[in-house]
C-alpha cells in the first residue's frame, strides 16, 4: 500500500558529510538519497574511488519506505562481522527515514577500538550525520485515467489542481482522456467531485483498481 514517509531533502548526486574522531581514528559519514540497492553500491564505490587510502568504506542503506516490505542492506567492508554495517543500519532504521544510504569512511588512527568500541563508533558516526540531515515528506501519488466530455474538461482540470494533482498526458477523440497524478490520500475525494461535476458521466480508472 502506498504511504507517505520522510526522505532526505537531497537532490540526485548530492550528499552530506559529517566527520567524527574517536581515539585518533577518523570516521567520515556520508549520507545520500537512494531508491535501489544498485544506487547504494554505486555511492559506496564512488567513495572508494575518492578515498582510496582509507581503511574501510562501510555501508548501510534503506532503499525504499522505512517500514514494511523494502530493500535494506549493509557491508562491514573488512571490519569484524557485525561491528560496522549492522549498527549503522540500526541507526537508520530507528530514524524512520526512507531512501537513505550511509557510507562511513574510516581512517585507522593506530589505536584498536575493540568490537564494542567499533559498534559504538560507527553508530555514533551515522547518528551525527543523521542529526545534520535535512528531510522532507515523500507524498505517495496515485495515477489514473479520467474520461469526460469536452464540456467538463476545464472543470476537471481545475478540480485536479485543487487536490494538488496534475495532468500527465491527454488525448482527444470523441471524448477527452486525461492521465492524471495526485496525492493518494486525495484520489477518492477527487473522484467524488469529478462524478458530481459531470453528473455521473465521467469514467475514472485508477492504476491499481
N, C-alpha and C. Protein backbone atom coordinates (compact mmCIF):
# COMPACT_ATOMS: atom_id res chain seq x y z
N UNK A 1 0.84 -1.20 0.00
CA UNK A 1 0.00 0.00 0.00
C UNK A 1 0.88 1.25 0.00
N UNK A 2 0.48 2.26 -0.77
CA UNK A 2 1.24 3.49 -0.82
C UNK A 2 1.22 4.18 0.53
N UNK A 3 2.30 4.89 0.81
CA UNK A 3 2.38 5.59 2.07
C UNK A 3 3.27 6.80 1.94
N UNK A 4 3.02 7.78 2.82
CA UNK A 4 3.88 8.95 2.90
C UNK A 4 4.97 8.65 3.92
N UNK A 5 6.18 9.14 3.67
CA UNK A 5 7.25 8.95 4.65
C UNK A 5 8.36 9.97 4.43
N UNK A 6 9.19 10.14 5.45
CA UNK A 6 10.28 11.10 5.38
C UNK A 6 11.41 10.55 4.53
N UNK A 7 12.03 11.43 3.75
CA UNK A 7 13.18 11.08 2.92
C UNK A 7 14.20 12.21 3.02
N UNK A 8 15.46 11.95 2.65
CA UNK A 8 16.46 13.03 2.65
C UNK A 8 16.06 14.13 1.67
N UNK A 9 16.19 15.38 2.10
CA UNK A 9 15.90 16.51 1.22
C UNK A 9 17.16 16.82 0.42
N UNK A 10 17.54 15.84 -0.41
CA UNK A 10 18.76 15.95 -1.21
C UNK A 10 18.44 15.63 -2.66
N UNK A 11 19.01 16.39 -3.57
CA UNK A 11 18.85 16.11 -4.99
C UNK A 11 19.73 14.92 -5.37
N UNK A 12 19.43 14.33 -6.53
CA UNK A 12 20.24 13.22 -7.03
C UNK A 12 21.68 13.67 -7.19
N UNK A 13 22.60 12.91 -6.62
CA UNK A 13 24.02 13.26 -6.71
C UNK A 13 24.52 14.08 -5.54
N UNK A 14 23.60 14.62 -4.74
CA UNK A 14 24.01 15.39 -3.56
C UNK A 14 24.17 14.48 -2.35
N UNK A 15 24.93 14.94 -1.37
CA UNK A 15 25.11 14.18 -0.12
C UNK A 15 25.53 15.15 0.97
N UNK A 16 25.45 14.69 2.21
CA UNK A 16 26.02 15.47 3.31
C UNK A 16 27.18 14.67 3.89
N UNK A 17 28.08 15.36 4.54
CA UNK A 17 29.31 14.75 5.04
C UNK A 17 29.57 15.27 6.46
N UNK A 18 29.71 14.34 7.41
CA UNK A 18 29.97 14.72 8.80
C UNK A 18 31.12 13.85 9.33
N UNK A 19 32.14 14.48 9.88
CA UNK A 19 33.30 13.74 10.38
C UNK A 19 33.34 13.75 11.90
N UNK A 20 33.67 12.59 12.48
CA UNK A 20 33.92 12.48 13.92
C UNK A 20 35.27 11.79 14.11
N UNK A 21 35.90 12.04 15.25
CA UNK A 21 37.18 11.41 15.56
C UNK A 21 37.08 10.69 16.89
N UNK A 22 37.46 9.41 16.90
CA UNK A 22 37.41 8.59 18.11
C UNK A 22 38.75 7.88 18.24
N UNK A 23 39.47 8.19 19.31
CA UNK A 23 40.78 7.59 19.57
C UNK A 23 41.67 7.62 18.33
N UNK A 24 41.77 8.79 17.75
CA UNK A 24 42.62 9.08 16.60
C UNK A 24 42.13 8.50 15.28
N UNK A 25 41.10 7.67 15.30
CA UNK A 25 40.52 7.20 14.04
C UNK A 25 39.51 8.23 13.54
N UNK A 26 39.56 8.49 12.25
CA UNK A 26 38.60 9.41 11.62
C UNK A 26 37.44 8.60 11.03
N UNK A 27 36.24 8.99 11.37
CA UNK A 27 35.02 8.37 10.83
C UNK A 27 34.26 9.45 10.07
N UNK A 28 34.26 9.35 8.73
CA UNK A 28 33.60 10.35 7.90
C UNK A 28 32.33 9.71 7.32
N UNK A 29 31.17 10.18 7.80
CA UNK A 29 29.91 9.60 7.34
C UNK A 29 29.31 10.43 6.22
N UNK A 30 28.95 9.75 5.15
CA UNK A 30 28.29 10.38 4.01
C UNK A 30 26.87 9.82 3.91
N UNK A 31 25.89 10.71 3.76
CA UNK A 31 24.50 10.30 3.60
C UNK A 31 23.99 10.78 2.25
N UNK A 32 23.28 9.91 1.53
CA UNK A 32 22.71 10.26 0.24
C UNK A 32 21.34 9.61 0.11
N UNK A 33 20.57 10.11 -0.82
CA UNK A 33 19.25 9.52 -1.10
C UNK A 33 19.38 8.47 -2.20
N UNK A 34 18.86 7.28 -1.95
CA UNK A 34 18.92 6.20 -2.94
C UNK A 34 17.55 5.51 -3.01
N UNK A 35 17.26 4.93 -4.15
CA UNK A 35 15.99 4.22 -4.32
C UNK A 35 16.19 2.75 -4.69
N UNK A 36 17.45 2.28 -4.71
CA UNK A 36 17.71 0.88 -5.05
C UNK A 36 19.04 0.44 -4.44
N UNK A 37 19.21 -0.87 -4.36
CA UNK A 37 20.48 -1.44 -3.88
C UNK A 37 21.63 -1.00 -4.79
N UNK A 38 21.38 -0.99 -6.08
CA UNK A 38 22.44 -0.63 -7.02
C UNK A 38 22.92 0.81 -6.80
N UNK A 39 21.97 1.72 -6.54
CA UNK A 39 22.37 3.11 -6.29
C UNK A 39 23.22 3.21 -5.03
N UNK A 40 22.88 2.42 -3.99
CA UNK A 40 23.66 2.43 -2.76
C UNK A 40 25.08 1.91 -3.01
N UNK A 41 25.19 0.83 -3.78
CA UNK A 41 26.50 0.27 -4.08
C UNK A 41 27.34 1.22 -4.94
N UNK A 42 26.68 1.92 -5.84
CA UNK A 42 27.40 2.90 -6.67
C UNK A 42 27.91 4.06 -5.81
N UNK A 43 27.12 4.46 -4.81
CA UNK A 43 27.55 5.54 -3.91
C UNK A 43 28.77 5.08 -3.10
N UNK A 44 28.72 3.85 -2.60
CA UNK A 44 29.86 3.30 -1.87
C UNK A 44 31.09 3.24 -2.78
N UNK A 45 30.91 2.79 -4.01
CA UNK A 45 32.01 2.69 -4.96
C UNK A 45 32.63 4.05 -5.25
N UNK A 46 31.79 5.08 -5.37
CA UNK A 46 32.31 6.42 -5.66
C UNK A 46 33.19 6.93 -4.52
N UNK A 47 32.84 6.54 -3.29
CA UNK A 47 33.63 6.97 -2.14
C UNK A 47 34.92 6.15 -2.00
N UNK A 48 34.89 4.90 -2.46
CA UNK A 48 36.14 4.12 -2.53
C UNK A 48 37.14 4.81 -3.46
N UNK A 49 36.62 5.32 -4.57
CA UNK A 49 37.49 5.99 -5.54
C UNK A 49 37.98 7.33 -5.00
N UNK A 50 37.12 8.01 -4.25
CA UNK A 50 37.51 9.32 -3.72
C UNK A 50 38.50 9.20 -2.57
N UNK A 51 38.35 8.13 -1.77
CA UNK A 51 39.22 7.92 -0.61
C UNK A 51 39.90 6.55 -0.70
N UNK A 52 40.75 6.34 -1.70
CA UNK A 52 41.35 5.02 -1.91
C UNK A 52 42.29 4.59 -0.79
N UNK A 53 42.80 5.53 0.00
CA UNK A 53 43.75 5.20 1.06
C UNK A 53 43.07 4.98 2.41
N UNK A 54 41.74 5.05 2.47
CA UNK A 54 41.03 4.82 3.73
C UNK A 54 41.09 3.35 4.12
N UNK A 55 40.95 3.08 5.41
CA UNK A 55 41.00 1.70 5.91
C UNK A 55 39.74 0.92 5.53
N UNK A 56 38.58 1.57 5.61
CA UNK A 56 37.30 0.90 5.35
C UNK A 56 36.31 1.88 4.75
N UNK A 57 35.35 1.32 3.99
CA UNK A 57 34.25 2.10 3.42
C UNK A 57 32.97 1.31 3.72
N UNK A 58 32.45 1.46 4.92
CA UNK A 58 31.33 0.63 5.39
C UNK A 58 29.99 1.22 4.96
N UNK A 59 29.02 0.34 4.72
CA UNK A 59 27.77 0.72 4.06
C UNK A 59 26.55 0.23 4.83
N UNK A 60 25.49 1.05 4.80
CA UNK A 60 24.16 0.63 5.25
C UNK A 60 23.14 1.44 4.46
N UNK A 61 22.03 0.82 4.09
CA UNK A 61 21.03 1.56 3.30
C UNK A 61 19.63 1.01 3.49
N UNK A 62 18.65 1.89 3.28
CA UNK A 62 17.23 1.55 3.22
C UNK A 62 16.73 2.11 1.90
N UNK A 63 16.54 1.26 0.92
CA UNK A 63 16.21 1.72 -0.44
C UNK A 63 14.71 1.67 -0.68
N UNK A 64 13.97 2.44 0.11
CA UNK A 64 12.52 2.47 -0.01
C UNK A 64 11.90 3.00 1.26
N UNK A 65 10.63 2.68 1.53
CA UNK A 65 10.00 3.14 2.76
C UNK A 65 10.75 2.63 3.99
N UNK A 66 10.73 3.40 5.10
CA UNK A 66 11.45 2.97 6.30
C UNK A 66 10.84 1.77 6.98
N UNK A 67 9.57 1.48 6.68
CA UNK A 67 8.89 0.34 7.28
C UNK A 67 8.23 -0.48 6.19
N UNK A 68 7.96 -1.75 6.52
CA UNK A 68 7.26 -2.60 5.57
C UNK A 68 8.22 -3.36 4.67
N UNK A 69 7.72 -3.75 3.52
CA UNK A 69 8.49 -4.58 2.59
C UNK A 69 9.41 -3.68 1.76
N UNK A 70 10.65 -3.56 2.18
CA UNK A 70 11.59 -2.69 1.50
C UNK A 70 12.95 -3.35 1.40
N UNK A 71 13.87 -2.76 0.64
CA UNK A 71 15.20 -3.32 0.43
C UNK A 71 16.18 -2.65 1.38
N UNK A 72 16.80 -3.45 2.24
CA UNK A 72 17.83 -2.93 3.14
C UNK A 72 19.09 -3.76 2.96
N UNK A 73 20.23 -3.21 3.39
CA UNK A 73 21.48 -3.95 3.29
C UNK A 73 22.58 -3.25 4.03
N UNK A 74 23.69 -3.97 4.23
CA UNK A 74 24.85 -3.38 4.89
C UNK A 74 26.10 -4.15 4.50
N UNK A 75 27.26 -3.52 4.73
CA UNK A 75 28.54 -4.11 4.38
C UNK A 75 29.57 -3.65 5.40
N UNK A 76 30.22 -4.62 6.09
CA UNK A 76 31.24 -4.29 7.09
C UNK A 76 32.57 -3.89 6.44
N UNK A 77 32.74 -4.22 5.19
CA UNK A 77 33.94 -3.85 4.42
C UNK A 77 35.24 -4.12 5.18
N UNK A 78 35.38 -5.34 5.68
CA UNK A 78 36.64 -5.73 6.31
C UNK A 78 36.71 -5.54 7.81
N UNK A 79 35.78 -4.79 8.39
CA UNK A 79 35.72 -4.70 9.84
C UNK A 79 35.19 -6.02 10.39
N UNK A 80 35.46 -6.36 11.66
CA UNK A 80 34.92 -7.61 12.22
C UNK A 80 33.40 -7.68 12.05
N UNK A 81 32.90 -8.85 11.70
CA UNK A 81 31.49 -9.04 11.40
C UNK A 81 30.56 -8.48 12.48
N UNK A 82 29.59 -7.68 12.05
CA UNK A 82 28.61 -7.13 12.96
C UNK A 82 29.02 -5.87 13.68
N UNK A 83 30.22 -5.34 13.41
CA UNK A 83 30.71 -4.18 14.16
C UNK A 83 30.53 -2.86 13.42
N UNK A 84 30.13 -2.90 12.15
CA UNK A 84 30.06 -1.66 11.36
C UNK A 84 28.72 -1.51 10.64
N UNK A 85 28.52 -2.31 9.60
CA UNK A 85 27.32 -2.15 8.79
C UNK A 85 26.02 -2.32 9.55
N UNK A 86 25.95 -3.34 10.40
CA UNK A 86 24.69 -3.59 11.13
C UNK A 86 24.37 -2.48 12.12
N UNK A 87 25.31 -2.02 12.96
CA UNK A 87 24.97 -0.89 13.83
C UNK A 87 24.65 0.39 13.05
N UNK A 88 25.26 0.56 11.89
CA UNK A 88 24.90 1.70 11.03
C UNK A 88 23.46 1.59 10.57
N UNK A 89 23.07 0.38 10.13
CA UNK A 89 21.70 0.15 9.68
C UNK A 89 20.71 0.34 10.82
N UNK A 90 21.08 -0.11 12.02
CA UNK A 90 20.19 0.05 13.17
C UNK A 90 19.86 1.52 13.40
N UNK A 91 20.85 2.39 13.27
CA UNK A 91 20.61 3.83 13.44
C UNK A 91 19.65 4.33 12.37
N UNK A 92 19.87 3.94 11.11
CA UNK A 92 18.99 4.38 10.03
C UNK A 92 17.56 3.93 10.28
N UNK A 93 17.38 2.69 10.71
CA UNK A 93 16.04 2.17 10.93
C UNK A 93 15.33 2.88 12.07
N UNK A 94 16.05 3.25 13.10
CA UNK A 94 15.44 3.96 14.22
C UNK A 94 15.05 5.39 13.85
N UNK A 95 15.67 5.93 12.80
CA UNK A 95 15.36 7.30 12.39
C UNK A 95 14.03 7.40 11.65
N UNK A 96 13.57 6.28 11.07
CA UNK A 96 12.30 6.31 10.35
C UNK A 96 12.36 7.12 9.07
N UNK A 97 13.53 7.15 8.43
CA UNK A 97 13.71 7.87 7.17
C UNK A 97 13.94 6.86 6.05
N UNK A 98 13.23 7.00 4.95
CA UNK A 98 13.38 6.08 3.83
C UNK A 98 14.33 6.60 2.77
N UNK A 99 14.67 5.74 1.82
CA UNK A 99 15.52 6.08 0.67
C UNK A 99 16.84 6.71 1.12
N UNK A 100 17.44 6.10 2.12
CA UNK A 100 18.63 6.68 2.75
C UNK A 100 19.80 5.70 2.74
N UNK A 101 20.96 6.20 2.36
CA UNK A 101 22.18 5.41 2.32
C UNK A 101 23.26 6.10 3.14
N UNK A 102 23.97 5.31 3.96
CA UNK A 102 25.09 5.83 4.74
C UNK A 102 26.35 5.06 4.39
N UNK A 103 27.42 5.78 4.14
CA UNK A 103 28.74 5.18 3.97
C UNK A 103 29.68 5.86 4.95
N UNK A 104 30.34 5.07 5.79
CA UNK A 104 31.31 5.62 6.73
C UNK A 104 32.71 5.26 6.24
N UNK A 105 33.48 6.28 5.93
CA UNK A 105 34.87 6.11 5.51
C UNK A 105 35.74 6.24 6.76
N UNK A 106 36.49 5.18 7.06
CA UNK A 106 37.31 5.20 8.28
C UNK A 106 38.80 5.24 7.93
N UNK A 107 39.51 6.13 8.62
CA UNK A 107 40.96 6.15 8.61
C UNK A 107 41.43 5.68 9.98
N UNK A 108 42.10 4.55 10.02
CA UNK A 108 42.56 3.97 11.28
C UNK A 108 43.62 4.86 11.91
N UNK A 109 43.45 5.12 13.22
CA UNK A 109 44.35 6.03 13.91
C UNK A 109 45.43 5.36 14.72
N UNK A 110 45.52 4.03 14.64
CA UNK A 110 46.58 3.32 15.35
C UNK A 110 46.18 2.74 16.69
N UNK A 111 44.98 3.09 17.17
CA UNK A 111 44.51 2.54 18.44
C UNK A 111 43.31 1.64 18.17
N UNK A 112 43.40 0.36 18.51
CA UNK A 112 42.30 -0.56 18.29
C UNK A 112 41.15 -0.23 19.24
N UNK A 113 39.93 -0.27 18.71
CA UNK A 113 38.76 0.08 19.50
C UNK A 113 38.06 -1.12 20.11
N UNK A 114 38.35 -2.31 19.60
CA UNK A 114 37.62 -3.49 20.08
C UNK A 114 36.24 -3.56 19.45
N UNK A 115 35.61 -4.73 19.53
CA UNK A 115 34.31 -4.92 18.89
C UNK A 115 33.27 -3.93 19.41
N UNK A 116 33.17 -3.82 20.72
CA UNK A 116 32.18 -2.90 21.29
C UNK A 116 32.46 -1.46 20.92
N UNK A 117 33.74 -1.10 20.91
CA UNK A 117 34.11 0.26 20.54
C UNK A 117 33.79 0.58 19.09
N UNK A 118 33.97 -0.40 18.22
CA UNK A 118 33.63 -0.20 16.81
C UNK A 118 32.13 -0.02 16.61
N UNK A 119 31.35 -0.86 17.29
CA UNK A 119 29.89 -0.74 17.20
C UNK A 119 29.45 0.66 17.60
N UNK A 120 29.97 1.15 18.72
CA UNK A 120 29.59 2.47 19.20
C UNK A 120 30.10 3.57 18.26
N UNK A 121 31.31 3.41 17.74
CA UNK A 121 31.89 4.43 16.87
C UNK A 121 31.12 4.56 15.55
N UNK A 122 30.83 3.44 14.91
CA UNK A 122 30.10 3.50 13.65
C UNK A 122 28.67 4.00 13.86
N UNK A 123 28.05 3.55 14.95
CA UNK A 123 26.70 4.04 15.25
C UNK A 123 26.69 5.53 15.51
N UNK A 124 27.68 6.01 16.27
CA UNK A 124 27.76 7.44 16.59
C UNK A 124 28.03 8.27 15.35
N UNK A 125 28.84 7.74 14.45
CA UNK A 125 29.15 8.46 13.22
C UNK A 125 27.90 8.69 12.38
N UNK A 126 27.09 7.64 12.22
CA UNK A 126 25.85 7.77 11.44
C UNK A 126 24.84 8.65 12.18
N UNK A 127 24.79 8.53 13.50
CA UNK A 127 23.88 9.35 14.30
C UNK A 127 24.19 10.83 14.10
N UNK A 128 25.46 11.19 14.15
CA UNK A 128 25.86 12.59 13.98
C UNK A 128 25.47 13.12 12.61
N UNK A 129 25.63 12.28 11.59
CA UNK A 129 25.26 12.71 10.23
C UNK A 129 23.75 12.84 10.10
N UNK A 130 23.01 11.90 10.67
CA UNK A 130 21.54 11.96 10.60
C UNK A 130 21.00 13.20 11.30
N UNK A 131 21.66 13.61 12.38
CA UNK A 131 21.24 14.81 13.10
C UNK A 131 21.37 16.06 12.23
N UNK A 132 22.28 16.01 11.26
CA UNK A 132 22.51 17.16 10.37
C UNK A 132 21.76 17.03 9.04
N UNK A 133 21.03 15.94 8.85
CA UNK A 133 20.39 15.66 7.56
C UNK A 133 19.07 16.41 7.41
N UNK A 134 18.92 17.20 6.35
CA UNK A 134 17.61 17.81 6.07
C UNK A 134 16.67 16.75 5.50
N UNK A 135 15.42 16.75 5.94
CA UNK A 135 14.45 15.78 5.44
C UNK A 135 13.22 16.49 4.91
N UNK A 136 12.48 15.77 4.10
CA UNK A 136 11.22 16.26 3.57
C UNK A 136 10.24 15.10 3.47
N UNK A 137 8.97 15.39 3.27
CA UNK A 137 7.97 14.34 3.20
C UNK A 137 7.80 13.88 1.76
N UNK A 138 7.90 12.57 1.57
CA UNK A 138 7.62 12.00 0.25
C UNK A 138 6.14 11.66 0.21
N UNK A 139 5.41 12.30 -0.67
CA UNK A 139 3.96 12.10 -0.76
C UNK A 139 3.67 10.99 -1.77
N UNK A 140 2.97 9.95 -1.32
CA UNK A 140 2.60 8.86 -2.20
C UNK A 140 1.59 9.37 -3.23
N UNK A 141 1.85 9.07 -4.50
CA UNK A 141 0.99 9.56 -5.58
C UNK A 141 0.16 8.43 -6.19
N UNK A 142 -0.97 8.80 -6.71
CA UNK A 142 -1.88 7.86 -7.37
C UNK A 142 -2.06 8.33 -8.82
N UNK A 143 -2.02 7.40 -9.75
CA UNK A 143 -2.23 7.75 -11.15
C UNK A 143 -3.49 7.08 -11.66
N UNK A 144 -4.09 7.68 -12.65
CA UNK A 144 -5.31 7.12 -13.22
C UNK A 144 -5.70 7.82 -14.51
N UNK A 145 -6.81 7.36 -15.07
CA UNK A 145 -7.36 7.91 -16.31
C UNK A 145 -8.74 8.46 -16.01
N UNK A 146 -8.99 9.69 -16.48
CA UNK A 146 -10.31 10.30 -16.37
C UNK A 146 -10.84 10.50 -17.79
N UNK A 147 -12.00 9.93 -18.08
CA UNK A 147 -12.61 10.05 -19.40
C UNK A 147 -13.88 10.91 -19.25
N UNK A 148 -13.93 12.03 -19.96
CA UNK A 148 -15.01 13.00 -19.81
C UNK A 148 -15.38 13.60 -21.16
N UNK A 149 -16.47 14.36 -21.18
CA UNK A 149 -16.81 15.08 -22.41
C UNK A 149 -16.06 16.41 -22.42
N UNK A 150 -16.08 17.04 -23.57
CA UNK A 150 -15.31 18.27 -23.75
C UNK A 150 -15.77 19.37 -22.79
N UNK A 151 -17.06 19.41 -22.51
CA UNK A 151 -17.61 20.47 -21.67
C UNK A 151 -17.10 20.39 -20.24
N UNK A 152 -16.68 19.21 -19.81
CA UNK A 152 -16.25 19.01 -18.42
C UNK A 152 -14.74 19.15 -18.23
N UNK A 153 -13.98 19.29 -19.32
CA UNK A 153 -12.52 19.24 -19.19
C UNK A 153 -11.96 20.31 -18.26
N UNK A 154 -12.34 21.56 -18.47
CA UNK A 154 -11.76 22.63 -17.66
C UNK A 154 -12.16 22.51 -16.19
N UNK A 155 -13.37 22.05 -15.94
CA UNK A 155 -13.81 21.85 -14.55
C UNK A 155 -12.95 20.78 -13.88
N UNK A 156 -12.71 19.68 -14.58
CA UNK A 156 -11.90 18.59 -14.03
C UNK A 156 -10.46 19.04 -13.82
N UNK A 157 -9.91 19.78 -14.76
CA UNK A 157 -8.54 20.29 -14.60
C UNK A 157 -8.45 21.20 -13.37
N UNK A 158 -9.46 22.03 -13.18
CA UNK A 158 -9.48 22.93 -12.02
C UNK A 158 -9.58 22.13 -10.73
N UNK A 159 -10.44 21.12 -10.69
CA UNK A 159 -10.56 20.27 -9.51
C UNK A 159 -9.23 19.57 -9.20
N UNK A 160 -8.60 19.06 -10.25
CA UNK A 160 -7.34 18.34 -10.08
C UNK A 160 -6.29 19.23 -9.44
N UNK A 161 -6.20 20.47 -9.93
CA UNK A 161 -5.23 21.41 -9.37
C UNK A 161 -5.52 21.67 -7.89
N UNK A 162 -6.79 21.76 -7.55
CA UNK A 162 -7.17 21.99 -6.16
C UNK A 162 -6.80 20.86 -5.23
N UNK A 163 -6.69 19.66 -5.77
CA UNK A 163 -6.30 18.49 -4.97
C UNK A 163 -4.80 18.22 -5.03
N UNK A 164 -4.04 19.16 -5.58
CA UNK A 164 -2.59 19.00 -5.63
C UNK A 164 -2.11 18.05 -6.70
N UNK A 165 -2.92 17.86 -7.73
CA UNK A 165 -2.55 16.93 -8.79
C UNK A 165 -2.16 17.62 -10.08
N UNK A 166 -1.90 16.82 -11.10
CA UNK A 166 -1.53 17.37 -12.40
C UNK A 166 -1.94 16.42 -13.51
N UNK A 167 -2.09 16.97 -14.70
CA UNK A 167 -2.36 16.16 -15.89
C UNK A 167 -1.03 15.70 -16.46
N UNK A 168 -0.84 14.39 -16.54
CA UNK A 168 0.40 13.83 -17.06
C UNK A 168 0.39 13.82 -18.59
N UNK A 169 -0.76 13.45 -19.16
CA UNK A 169 -0.91 13.46 -20.62
C UNK A 169 -2.39 13.53 -20.95
N UNK A 170 -2.69 13.79 -22.19
CA UNK A 170 -4.09 13.89 -22.60
C UNK A 170 -4.23 13.42 -24.05
N UNK A 171 -5.45 13.01 -24.38
CA UNK A 171 -5.76 12.68 -25.78
C UNK A 171 -7.20 13.09 -26.05
N UNK A 172 -7.45 13.46 -27.30
CA UNK A 172 -8.77 13.94 -27.70
C UNK A 172 -9.29 13.11 -28.86
N UNK A 173 -10.50 12.62 -28.70
CA UNK A 173 -11.18 11.92 -29.80
C UNK A 173 -12.65 12.31 -29.67
N UNK A 174 -13.54 11.35 -29.57
CA UNK A 174 -14.94 11.70 -29.31
C UNK A 174 -15.12 12.18 -27.88
N UNK A 175 -14.17 11.81 -27.02
CA UNK A 175 -14.17 12.24 -25.63
C UNK A 175 -12.77 12.73 -25.27
N UNK A 176 -12.64 13.28 -24.08
CA UNK A 176 -11.35 13.72 -23.57
C UNK A 176 -10.84 12.68 -22.59
N UNK A 177 -9.60 12.25 -22.78
CA UNK A 177 -8.99 11.27 -21.87
C UNK A 177 -7.76 11.92 -21.22
N UNK A 178 -7.82 12.07 -19.90
CA UNK A 178 -6.73 12.70 -19.16
C UNK A 178 -6.05 11.66 -18.29
N UNK A 179 -4.73 11.53 -18.42
CA UNK A 179 -3.97 10.74 -17.47
C UNK A 179 -3.54 11.68 -16.36
N UNK A 180 -3.93 11.34 -15.12
CA UNK A 180 -3.72 12.27 -14.01
C UNK A 180 -2.87 11.63 -12.91
N UNK A 181 -2.25 12.48 -12.11
CA UNK A 181 -1.48 12.06 -10.95
C UNK A 181 -1.80 13.02 -9.82
N UNK A 182 -2.09 12.47 -8.63
CA UNK A 182 -2.41 13.30 -7.47
C UNK A 182 -2.09 12.53 -6.19
N UNK A 183 -2.00 13.23 -5.05
CA UNK A 183 -1.70 12.52 -3.80
C UNK A 183 -2.69 11.39 -3.55
N UNK A 184 -2.17 10.23 -3.18
CA UNK A 184 -3.00 9.05 -2.95
C UNK A 184 -4.11 9.32 -1.94
N UNK A 185 -3.81 10.13 -0.94
CA UNK A 185 -4.80 10.40 0.11
C UNK A 185 -5.97 11.22 -0.41
N UNK A 186 -5.83 11.82 -1.60
CA UNK A 186 -6.88 12.70 -2.13
C UNK A 186 -7.68 12.08 -3.27
N UNK A 187 -7.27 10.90 -3.74
CA UNK A 187 -7.87 10.44 -5.00
C UNK A 187 -9.35 10.09 -4.87
N UNK A 188 -9.78 9.59 -3.72
CA UNK A 188 -11.20 9.25 -3.57
C UNK A 188 -12.08 10.51 -3.54
N UNK A 189 -11.62 11.52 -2.82
CA UNK A 189 -12.38 12.78 -2.77
C UNK A 189 -12.44 13.43 -4.15
N UNK A 190 -11.30 13.38 -4.85
CA UNK A 190 -11.27 13.92 -6.21
C UNK A 190 -12.27 13.18 -7.10
N UNK A 191 -12.31 11.87 -7.00
CA UNK A 191 -13.24 11.08 -7.81
C UNK A 191 -14.69 11.44 -7.55
N UNK A 192 -15.04 11.67 -6.28
CA UNK A 192 -16.40 12.07 -5.94
C UNK A 192 -16.76 13.42 -6.55
N UNK A 193 -15.82 14.36 -6.47
CA UNK A 193 -16.08 15.69 -7.01
C UNK A 193 -16.22 15.65 -8.53
N UNK A 194 -15.40 14.85 -9.18
CA UNK A 194 -15.50 14.72 -10.63
C UNK A 194 -16.85 14.11 -11.03
N UNK A 195 -17.27 13.10 -10.27
CA UNK A 195 -18.56 12.46 -10.55
C UNK A 195 -19.70 13.47 -10.40
N UNK A 196 -19.64 14.28 -9.35
CA UNK A 196 -20.67 15.31 -9.14
C UNK A 196 -20.67 16.33 -10.28
N UNK A 197 -19.46 16.79 -10.63
CA UNK A 197 -19.35 17.83 -11.65
C UNK A 197 -19.82 17.35 -13.02
N UNK A 198 -19.65 16.07 -13.30
CA UNK A 198 -20.02 15.52 -14.61
C UNK A 198 -21.39 14.85 -14.58
N UNK A 199 -22.09 14.99 -13.44
CA UNK A 199 -23.40 14.35 -13.26
C UNK A 199 -23.34 12.85 -13.50
N UNK A 200 -22.23 12.26 -13.03
CA UNK A 200 -22.09 10.81 -13.08
C UNK A 200 -21.64 10.27 -14.42
N UNK A 201 -21.31 11.15 -15.35
CA UNK A 201 -20.94 10.69 -16.69
C UNK A 201 -19.45 10.39 -16.83
N UNK A 202 -18.63 10.91 -15.95
CA UNK A 202 -17.18 10.68 -16.05
C UNK A 202 -16.83 9.23 -15.73
N UNK A 203 -15.79 8.74 -16.37
CA UNK A 203 -15.26 7.41 -16.11
C UNK A 203 -13.85 7.57 -15.50
N UNK A 204 -13.62 6.98 -14.33
CA UNK A 204 -12.33 7.06 -13.68
C UNK A 204 -11.77 5.65 -13.52
N UNK A 205 -10.52 5.47 -13.92
CA UNK A 205 -9.84 4.20 -13.76
C UNK A 205 -8.50 4.46 -13.07
N UNK A 206 -8.34 3.93 -11.87
CA UNK A 206 -7.11 4.14 -11.11
C UNK A 206 -6.12 3.03 -11.40
N UNK A 207 -4.85 3.31 -11.24
CA UNK A 207 -3.77 2.44 -11.70
C UNK A 207 -3.82 1.05 -11.11
N UNK A 208 -4.25 0.91 -9.84
CA UNK A 208 -4.25 -0.44 -9.23
C UNK A 208 -5.65 -0.97 -8.98
N UNK A 209 -6.65 -0.39 -9.65
CA UNK A 209 -8.03 -0.89 -9.50
C UNK A 209 -8.23 -2.14 -10.35
